[in-house]
Amino acid sequence: MEYEKICEMILECDKNIRYVGIYDYGELYDKMRPGLKSHLSREETEVSLSQAVYRWSTRKKTADKIGKPVYALAKYEKIYRVTVPIGGAGLILISIELDSDVNNIVEKILTVKNQHSS
């Protein structure tokens, strides 16, 4: 998959998207909105994503009863953070400004993801 292209397309979905990262098989592909400073270092982001991958594996355990997870949304004091599965074991992490219509943005993100998933 063209993860760099997917990152760029997701970032272009909305001006309130701060950061997009795709973590797959130990590799991180990411893009930050120009002019913004990341809240986390690259190392902190990688650790956070590896933990998120583990959480996704636990969500999948109940998929036969409640359905496959589509995305997860967390609200922090400074940002929204959305995680979306992609590919076999990949995960997209997106940070979004708080003054956003996060549900609308997530729908746009899912559209981009679905255009590039098999």
Protein backbone atom coordinates (compact mmCIF):
# COMPACT_ATOMS: atom_id res chain seq x y z
CA MET A 1 0.00 0.00 0.00
CA GLU A 2 1.10 3.56 -0.63
CA TYR A 3 1.11 4.71 2.97
CA GLU A 4 2.77 8.08 2.28
CA LYS A 5 0.03 8.91 -0.23
CA ILE A 6 -2.70 7.81 2.19
CA CYS A 7 -1.20 10.03 4.92
CA GLU A 8 -1.22 13.00 2.55
CA MET A 9 -4.80 12.37 1.41
CA ILE A 10 -6.06 12.08 4.98
CA LEU A 11 -4.24 15.27 6.00
CA GLU A 12 -5.95 17.04 3.09
CA CYS A 13 -9.43 15.93 4.29
CA ASP A 14 -9.72 18.73 6.83
CA LYS A 15 -7.64 21.68 8.05
CA ASN A 16 -8.16 20.56 11.66
CA ILE A 17 -6.26 17.31 11.18
CA ARG A 18 -2.89 17.88 12.84
CA TYR A 19 -1.10 14.59 12.26
CA VAL A 20 -1.50 11.30 10.41
CA GLY A 21 0.65 8.26 11.01
CA ILE A 22 0.38 4.73 9.68
CA TYR A 23 2.14 2.01 11.63
CA ASP A 24 2.48 -1.36 9.94
CA TYR A 25 4.93 -4.20 10.55
CA GLY A 26 7.14 -2.01 12.75
CA GLU A 27 7.40 0.83 10.21
CA LEU A 28 5.96 4.32 10.75
CA TYR A 29 4.86 6.50 7.84
CA ASP A 30 3.66 9.90 8.95
CA LYS A 31 2.83 13.46 8.01
CA MET A 32 2.39 16.54 10.20
CA ARG A 33 0.47 19.62 9.12
CA PRO A 34 3.05 22.26 8.16
CA GLY A 35 3.58 24.96 10.77
CA LEU A 36 2.45 22.83 13.72
CA LYS A 37 4.58 21.34 16.46
CA SER A 38 3.96 17.75 17.53
CA HIS A 39 2.88 17.11 21.11
CA LEU A 40 4.88 13.85 21.11
CA SER A 41 8.37 12.99 19.94
CA ARG A 42 8.72 10.44 17.14
CA GLU A 43 9.82 7.83 19.68
CA GLU A 44 6.79 8.56 21.89
CA THR A 45 4.54 8.30 18.85
CA GLU A 46 6.00 4.91 17.90
CA VAL A 47 5.52 3.59 21.45
CA SER A 48 1.98 4.92 21.51
CA LEU A 49 1.19 3.28 18.17
CA SER A 50 2.63 -0.06 19.22
CA GLN A 51 0.38 0.08 22.30
CA ALA A 52 -2.59 0.98 20.10
CA VAL A 53 -1.88 -2.05 17.89
CA TYR A 54 -2.09 -4.23 21.00
CA ARG A 55 -5.41 -2.63 22.00
CA TRP A 56 -6.77 -3.33 18.52
CA SER A 57 -5.86 -7.00 18.91
CA THR A 58 -7.96 -7.12 22.10
CA ARG A 59 -10.90 -5.42 20.35
CA LYS A 60 -10.85 -8.07 17.64
CA LYS A 61 -11.49 -10.79 20.23
CA THR A 62 -15.13 -9.76 20.56
CA ALA A 63 -15.71 -9.16 16.84
CA ASP A 64 -17.76 -12.34 16.41
CA LYS A 65 -20.22 -11.04 19.01
CA ILE A 66 -20.40 -7.28 18.38
CA GLY A 67 -18.82 -6.87 14.96
CA LYS A 68 -15.41 -5.79 13.69
CA PRO A 69 -14.09 -2.55 15.17
CA VAL A 70 -14.18 0.30 12.65
CA TYR A 71 -12.36 3.03 14.56
CA ALA A 72 -11.61 4.19 18.08
CA LEU A 73 -11.90 7.77 19.27
CA ALA A 74 -10.33 9.27 22.38
CA LYS A 75 -10.63 12.84 23.57
CA TYR A 76 -7.65 14.28 25.40
CA GLU A 77 -7.24 17.72 26.94
CA LYS A 78 -5.39 18.98 23.85
CA ILE A 79 -6.58 16.82 20.92
CA TYR A 80 -8.88 14.13 19.63
CA ARG A 81 -7.10 10.97 18.65
CA VAL A 82 -8.58 8.50 16.20
CA THR A 83 -7.22 5.05 15.39
CA VAL A 84 -8.36 3.09 12.35
CA PRO A 85 -7.19 -0.36 11.24
CA ILE A 86 -5.68 -0.68 7.76
CA GLY A 87 -4.25 -3.67 5.90
CA GLY A 88 -3.47 -6.86 7.76
CA ALA A 89 -1.99 -5.53 11.00
CA GLY A 90 -1.66 -1.83 10.24
CA LEU A 91 -3.14 1.07 12.14
CA ILE A 92 -3.74 4.69 11.18
CA LEU A 93 -3.40 7.24 13.98
CA ILE A 94 -4.84 10.71 13.45
CA SER A 95 -4.76 13.68 15.81
CA ILE A 96 -7.42 16.35 15.35
CA GLU A 97 -7.95 19.78 16.91
CA LEU A 98 -10.63 19.91 19.62
CA ASP A 99 -12.72 22.59 17.90
CA SER A 100 -13.65 20.17 15.12
CA ASP A 101 -16.63 18.19 13.89
CA VAL A 102 -14.74 15.01 14.66
CA ASN A 103 -17.47 12.64 13.45
CA ASN A 104 -17.56 14.33 10.03
CA ILE A 105 -13.76 14.17 9.81
CA VAL A 106 -13.75 10.48 10.75
CA GLU A 107 -16.21 9.73 7.92
CA LYS A 108 -13.85 11.47 5.46
CA ILE A 109 -10.90 9.47 6.84
CA LEU A 110 -12.81 6.20 6.46
CA THR A 111 -13.64 7.10 2.84
CA VAL A 112 -9.93 7.61 2.06
CA LYS A 113 -8.98 4.41 3.86
CA ASN A 114 -11.65 2.39 2.05
CA GLN A 115 -10.46 3.68 -1.33
CA HIS A 116 -7.02 2.20 -0.61
CA SER A 117 -7.92 -1.03 1.16
CA SER A 118 -8.56 -4.34 -0.49
